[in-house]
Structures are given as structure tokens and as C-alpha cells.
Amino acid sequence: MGGMSNVEKKGYVDPAWPAHLPGDGHAVSELTSRLAGASSPFGDDLELPVPPESLGYVHPYTRINR
């Protein structure tokens, strides 16, 4: 077990972290956003709940063969 203490640890590297960052090198977008928290993948202007009439969803109907 004595050989384990000499193992060099590699620091955590996030593959999603941008490679080239302007300024001090921090990819923090919440400070410049008008909203707190993460942005929605559907856009920040979407208000929930959405009226059902605006969705265009038609519920499937199953006709039973008898």
C-alpha cells in the first residue's frame, strides 16, 4: 500500500467548459442574465402553464373492433 501515496492525482477537467474565455476566465452567465438560474432550452420568454388551445395537440382515439 505504500506505493499508492506516490500516485499523482490529475485535477478535474470538465469537457463542457469553454476553451477560450474572455476576461478572467470564468464562464458564469448568471451574472449577466436578466433571470436567475439556468436558461430554459425552450427560451426564456415561455410562460407556463401554456393554454391547451395553443398547443395543437390531438389526443389519440382508439376504435375497438367488435
Protein backbone atom coordinates (compact mmCIF):
# COMPACT_ATOMS: atom_id res chain seq x y z
CA MET A 1 0.00 0.00 0.00
CA GLY A 2 2.97 2.34 0.32
CA GLY A 3 3.17 2.79 -3.47
CA MET A 4 -0.29 4.32 -3.62
CA SER A 5 0.73 7.51 -1.81
CA ASN A 6 3.15 8.47 -4.60
CA VAL A 7 0.44 8.47 -7.30
CA GLU A 8 -0.01 11.91 -8.83
CA LYS A 9 -3.67 12.96 -8.96
CA LYS A 10 -4.99 14.71 -12.02
CA GLY A 11 -7.32 17.67 -11.45
CA TYR A 12 -10.92 17.52 -12.58
CA VAL A 13 -11.37 18.69 -16.17
CA ASP A 14 -14.90 19.41 -17.37
CA PRO A 15 -15.16 18.59 -21.10
CA ALA A 16 -18.06 21.06 -21.49
CA TRP A 17 -16.03 24.00 -20.14
CA PRO A 18 -15.24 26.52 -22.92
CA ALA A 19 -11.62 26.51 -24.08
CA HIS A 20 -11.24 30.26 -24.71
CA LEU A 21 -12.83 32.65 -22.22
CA PRO A 22 -12.52 36.42 -22.30
CA GLY A 23 -11.73 38.37 -19.14
CA ASP A 24 -10.80 36.45 -16.01
CA GLY A 25 -11.63 33.02 -17.44
CA HIS A 26 -14.92 32.21 -15.70
CA ALA A 27 -17.88 31.04 -17.79
CA VAL A 28 -20.57 32.41 -15.48
CA SER A 29 -23.57 33.68 -17.41
CA GLU A 30 -25.99 34.11 -14.47
CA LEU A 31 -24.34 37.40 -13.55
CA THR A 32 -25.20 38.93 -16.93
CA SER A 33 -28.63 37.32 -17.31
CA ARG A 34 -31.89 39.09 -16.56
CA LEU A 35 -33.17 35.89 -14.89
CA ALA A 36 -31.69 33.86 -12.03
CA GLY A 37 -30.83 30.24 -12.65
CA ALA A 38 -30.27 28.23 -15.80
CA SER A 39 -31.85 29.26 -19.08
CA SER A 40 -34.67 27.15 -20.47
CA PRO A 41 -33.93 25.12 -23.60
CA PHE A 42 -37.31 26.35 -24.93
CA GLY A 43 -36.44 30.02 -24.48
CA ASP A 44 -36.65 32.41 -21.55
CA ASP A 45 -39.82 34.10 -22.81
CA LEU A 46 -42.01 30.98 -22.40
CA GLU A 47 -44.56 31.31 -19.60
CA LEU A 48 -46.03 28.19 -18.06
CA PRO A 49 -48.68 26.83 -17.96
CA VAL A 50 -49.41 27.22 -21.68
CA PRO A 51 -53.10 27.40 -22.71
CA PRO A 52 -54.11 24.00 -24.19
CA GLU A 53 -55.65 25.68 -27.25
CA SER A 54 -52.24 26.96 -28.35
CA LEU A 55 -50.52 23.53 -28.29
CA GLY A 56 -52.10 21.86 -31.32
CA TYR A 57 -52.15 18.51 -29.54
CA VAL A 58 -54.83 15.99 -30.58
CA HIS A 59 -55.35 13.14 -28.13
CA PRO A 60 -55.28 9.75 -29.89
CA TYR A 61 -58.54 7.85 -30.13
CA THR A 62 -58.65 4.06 -30.29
CA ARG A 63 -61.56 2.45 -32.11
CA ILE A 64 -62.22 -1.03 -30.74
CA ASN A 65 -63.05 -3.67 -33.37
CA ARG A 66 -66.05 -5.77 -32.34
